[in-house]
Amino acid sequence: MKASDIMSTPVYVVSPQENISHARNLMLRHRISRLLVTNGEELVGIITRKDIAYGLRQSEPLWRRRPIDRIPVEVMMTRSPIVVSPTTFTEEIASMMVNNRISGLPVVEGGRVAGIVTKSDLLRSTLVQNLPLRAHDLMEEAITVSRYHSLSHIIDQMRERNNKLVVMNNDGTIAGIISESNIVFFDYEAAETGVPVRDVKLLRKDETAGRKRYRYVMNVSAIAEDVMTRPVVTTGPDAPLKEVVDLMNKHRISTVVVVEGQELKGIVKRDSIIREVAK
């Protein structure tokens, strides 16, 4: 199979000068993870939800000084992205994704963008559907956080491990899962700063022994339970890989959590499946 057999069209694009808020809303509206950045017909970059998520946690982050709707795409985009031609074979595309740790490759023909191949496109290919494996063959350890961990901690963990996070309850049961999408598409309530926050009402008394009233509202940083996705899509260790892939395609997710009874055993990631194709 070649790029032309599996690539997605049309391709959604933004200009370098458009703002991050616009790019984020396009991703949300079209349920996509990346946008090509073009200057006229020239491909100059690519921006992904991961770029936006990790861009929200820097030593001197722009988003602390400027609203997200004023940060231009060119600040967070990847410049001069790797491209393929329509005749590039699927195995080579998978290898390029694995070796360069990227999830989408623009397809360029005659200097113009013809489409894009993403990991989701590979996942829908017959090449993946026919892999004779089971969930436990590709399962890896799950990285867990408490449902009360701060958003800053979550972003740091995701960047350090380059992975999704499984959110756990105090009793050891699964509460939810967090991906880059949860960070990017979280509702940014602090309009002037772009900082993810939630409102908390405090019970205060007007006077001693008086009636309690919700008098004050303050903004505090969001925590894991505010941004996580639930319920979590799960499978068993012995499930055929085709069933795992079907779950990913059906729910438009890149990670399936593996459980045995109520016990968390691990996760199967789309990336692990792509590595099998690249072999």
Foldseek 3Di string as FASTA:
>chain_A
DFCLVQFDDDAAEAEQFFFQVVVLVVCVVVVHFKHFYDDVQATFFMAGLLLVLLLVADPDRPLQVAFRRRHGNNVRTGTPDAAAERGHDLLVVLQCCLVVVHFKHFHDDPRGTPGMDGLLSVLPDVLLLPPFDFQLVQFDAAAEDEQFAFSNVLSVVCVVVVDKYFYAYPVGFTDFIDDSNLSSVQDQPPRGRSAAWDKDFDWDAPDVVHDTDRDDIDIDTDGNNRRGDDDAAEDERGHTVSVVSVVCNVVVHFKHFYDDPRHGDGIHGSSSSSVVSND
